[in-house]
């Protein structure tokens, strides 16, 4: 039982998975922010074109 507990405490796979999860979350937030700004720009461009038509 004690060996199993020591092995569990020394295992770093869970910490690595959490770090990868945090990185993925930050990347997805950056992508969402970029697409939101790009969407606003495209909307303004399409409105400008529609107004000129």
N, C-alpha and C. Protein backbone atom coordinates (compact mmCIF):
# COMPACT_ATOMS: atom_id res chain seq x y z
N UNK A 1 0.83 -1.19 0.00
CA UNK A 1 0.00 0.00 0.00
C UNK A 1 0.88 1.26 0.00
N UNK A 2 1.94 1.23 0.78
CA UNK A 2 2.83 2.39 0.88
C UNK A 2 3.58 2.63 -0.42
N UNK A 3 3.96 1.53 -1.09
CA UNK A 3 4.64 1.66 -2.39
C UNK A 3 3.73 2.32 -3.41
N UNK A 4 2.49 1.92 -3.41
CA UNK A 4 1.51 2.48 -4.35
C UNK A 4 1.32 3.97 -4.10
N UNK A 5 1.24 4.37 -2.85
CA UNK A 5 1.06 5.77 -2.50
C UNK A 5 2.28 6.59 -2.91
N UNK A 6 3.46 6.07 -2.69
CA UNK A 6 4.69 6.78 -3.10
C UNK A 6 4.75 6.92 -4.62
N UNK A 7 4.40 5.86 -5.32
CA UNK A 7 4.41 5.90 -6.79
C UNK A 7 3.41 6.94 -7.30
N UNK A 8 2.27 7.03 -6.65
CA UNK A 8 1.25 7.99 -7.04
C UNK A 8 1.72 9.43 -6.81
N UNK A 9 2.39 9.66 -5.69
CA UNK A 9 2.88 10.99 -5.38
C UNK A 9 4.03 11.43 -6.29
N UNK A 10 4.81 10.47 -6.77
CA UNK A 10 5.94 10.80 -7.63
C UNK A 10 5.56 10.85 -9.11
N UNK A 11 4.38 10.41 -9.45
CA UNK A 11 3.94 10.41 -10.85
C UNK A 11 3.62 11.83 -11.28
N UNK A 12 4.24 12.28 -12.37
CA UNK A 12 4.04 13.65 -12.85
C UNK A 12 3.19 13.69 -14.11
N UNK A 13 2.63 12.59 -14.53
CA UNK A 13 1.81 12.58 -15.75
C UNK A 13 0.57 13.44 -15.61
N UNK A 14 -0.03 13.44 -14.45
CA UNK A 14 -1.22 14.27 -14.24
C UNK A 14 -0.90 15.75 -14.33
N UNK A 15 0.23 16.16 -13.79
CA UNK A 15 0.63 17.57 -13.85
C UNK A 15 0.89 17.99 -15.29
N UNK A 16 1.49 17.12 -16.07
CA UNK A 16 1.75 17.42 -17.47
C UNK A 16 0.44 17.56 -18.24
N UNK A 17 -0.51 16.72 -17.96
CA UNK A 17 -1.81 16.80 -18.63
C UNK A 17 -2.50 18.11 -18.29
N UNK A 18 -2.41 18.54 -17.05
CA UNK A 18 -3.01 19.81 -16.65
C UNK A 18 -2.34 20.97 -17.36
N UNK A 19 -1.02 20.92 -17.48
CA UNK A 19 -0.30 21.99 -18.17
C UNK A 19 -0.72 22.06 -19.64
N UNK A 20 -0.82 20.91 -20.29
CA UNK A 20 -1.27 20.89 -21.68
C UNK A 20 -2.70 21.42 -21.80
N UNK A 21 -3.52 21.11 -20.85
CA UNK A 21 -4.90 21.62 -20.84
C UNK A 21 -4.93 23.13 -20.72
N UNK A 22 -4.10 23.68 -19.85
CA UNK A 22 -4.05 25.13 -19.69
C UNK A 22 -3.53 25.81 -20.95
N UNK A 23 -2.53 25.22 -21.59
CA UNK A 23 -2.01 25.79 -22.83
C UNK A 23 -3.09 25.76 -23.91
N UNK A 24 -3.81 24.66 -24.02
CA UNK A 24 -4.87 24.55 -25.01
C UNK A 24 -5.97 25.58 -24.75
N UNK A 25 -6.29 25.81 -23.49
CA UNK A 25 -7.31 26.80 -23.16
C UNK A 25 -6.85 28.21 -23.54
N UNK A 26 -5.59 28.54 -23.28
CA UNK A 26 -5.09 29.86 -23.64
C UNK A 26 -5.05 30.06 -25.15
N UNK A 27 -4.66 29.03 -25.87
CA UNK A 27 -4.63 29.12 -27.33
C UNK A 27 -6.05 29.30 -27.88
N UNK A 28 -7.00 28.59 -27.34
CA UNK A 28 -8.37 28.72 -27.82
C UNK A 28 -8.95 30.10 -27.51
N UNK A 29 -8.60 30.67 -26.38
CA UNK A 29 -9.06 32.04 -26.06
C UNK A 29 -8.46 33.03 -27.05
N UNK A 30 -7.19 32.86 -27.38
CA UNK A 30 -6.55 33.75 -28.35
C UNK A 30 -7.19 33.61 -29.73
N UNK A 31 -7.51 32.40 -30.13
CA UNK A 31 -8.15 32.19 -31.43
C UNK A 31 -9.54 32.81 -31.46
N UNK A 32 -10.29 32.65 -30.39
CA UNK A 32 -11.64 33.23 -30.33
C UNK A 32 -11.56 34.75 -30.39
N UNK A 33 -10.62 35.34 -29.68
CA UNK A 33 -10.47 36.81 -29.69
C UNK A 33 -10.08 37.29 -31.10
N UNK A 34 -9.17 36.58 -31.74
CA UNK A 34 -8.76 36.97 -33.09
C UNK A 34 -9.89 36.85 -34.09
N UNK A 35 -10.65 35.78 -34.02
CA UNK A 35 -11.77 35.61 -34.94
C UNK A 35 -12.87 36.64 -34.69
N UNK A 36 -13.06 37.02 -33.44
CA UNK A 36 -14.06 38.05 -33.13
C UNK A 36 -13.66 39.38 -33.76
N UNK A 37 -12.39 39.75 -33.64
CA UNK A 37 -11.94 41.01 -34.24
C UNK A 37 -12.00 40.93 -35.77
N UNK A 38 -11.63 39.80 -36.33
CA UNK A 38 -11.69 39.62 -37.78
C UNK A 38 -13.14 39.66 -38.25
N UNK A 39 -14.04 39.09 -37.49
CA UNK A 39 -15.47 39.10 -37.84
C UNK A 39 -16.01 40.51 -37.88
N UNK A 40 -15.64 41.35 -36.94
CA UNK A 40 -16.08 42.74 -36.93
C UNK A 40 -15.56 43.49 -38.15
N UNK A 41 -14.31 43.23 -38.51
CA UNK A 41 -13.71 43.86 -39.68
C UNK A 41 -14.41 43.42 -40.96
N UNK A 42 -14.68 42.13 -41.09
CA UNK A 42 -15.38 41.63 -42.27
C UNK A 42 -16.80 42.18 -42.35
N UNK A 43 -17.45 42.30 -41.23
CA UNK A 43 -18.80 42.85 -41.20
C UNK A 43 -18.80 44.29 -41.70
N UNK A 44 -17.83 45.08 -41.27
CA UNK A 44 -17.73 46.46 -41.73
C UNK A 44 -17.44 46.52 -43.23
N UNK A 45 -16.59 45.64 -43.71
CA UNK A 45 -16.28 45.61 -45.14
C UNK A 45 -17.51 45.25 -45.96
N UNK A 46 -18.24 44.23 -45.56
CA UNK A 46 -19.45 43.83 -46.28
C UNK A 46 -20.51 44.92 -46.24
N UNK A 47 -20.64 45.60 -45.11
CA UNK A 47 -21.59 46.70 -45.03
C UNK A 47 -21.21 47.84 -45.95
N UNK A 48 -19.91 48.10 -46.07
CA UNK A 48 -19.43 49.15 -46.97
C UNK A 48 -19.74 48.79 -48.42
N UNK A 49 -19.47 47.55 -48.78
CA UNK A 49 -19.75 47.10 -50.15
C UNK A 49 -21.25 47.14 -50.44
N UNK A 50 -22.04 46.69 -49.48
CA UNK A 50 -23.50 46.70 -49.66
C UNK A 50 -24.01 48.13 -49.79
N UNK A 51 -23.44 49.06 -49.06
CA UNK A 51 -23.85 50.45 -49.16
C UNK A 51 -23.51 51.06 -50.51
N UNK A 52 -22.41 50.64 -51.10
CA UNK A 52 -22.00 51.17 -52.40
C UNK A 52 -22.81 50.55 -53.54
N UNK A 53 -23.37 49.38 -53.31
CA UNK A 53 -24.21 48.74 -54.33
C UNK A 53 -25.54 49.42 -54.37
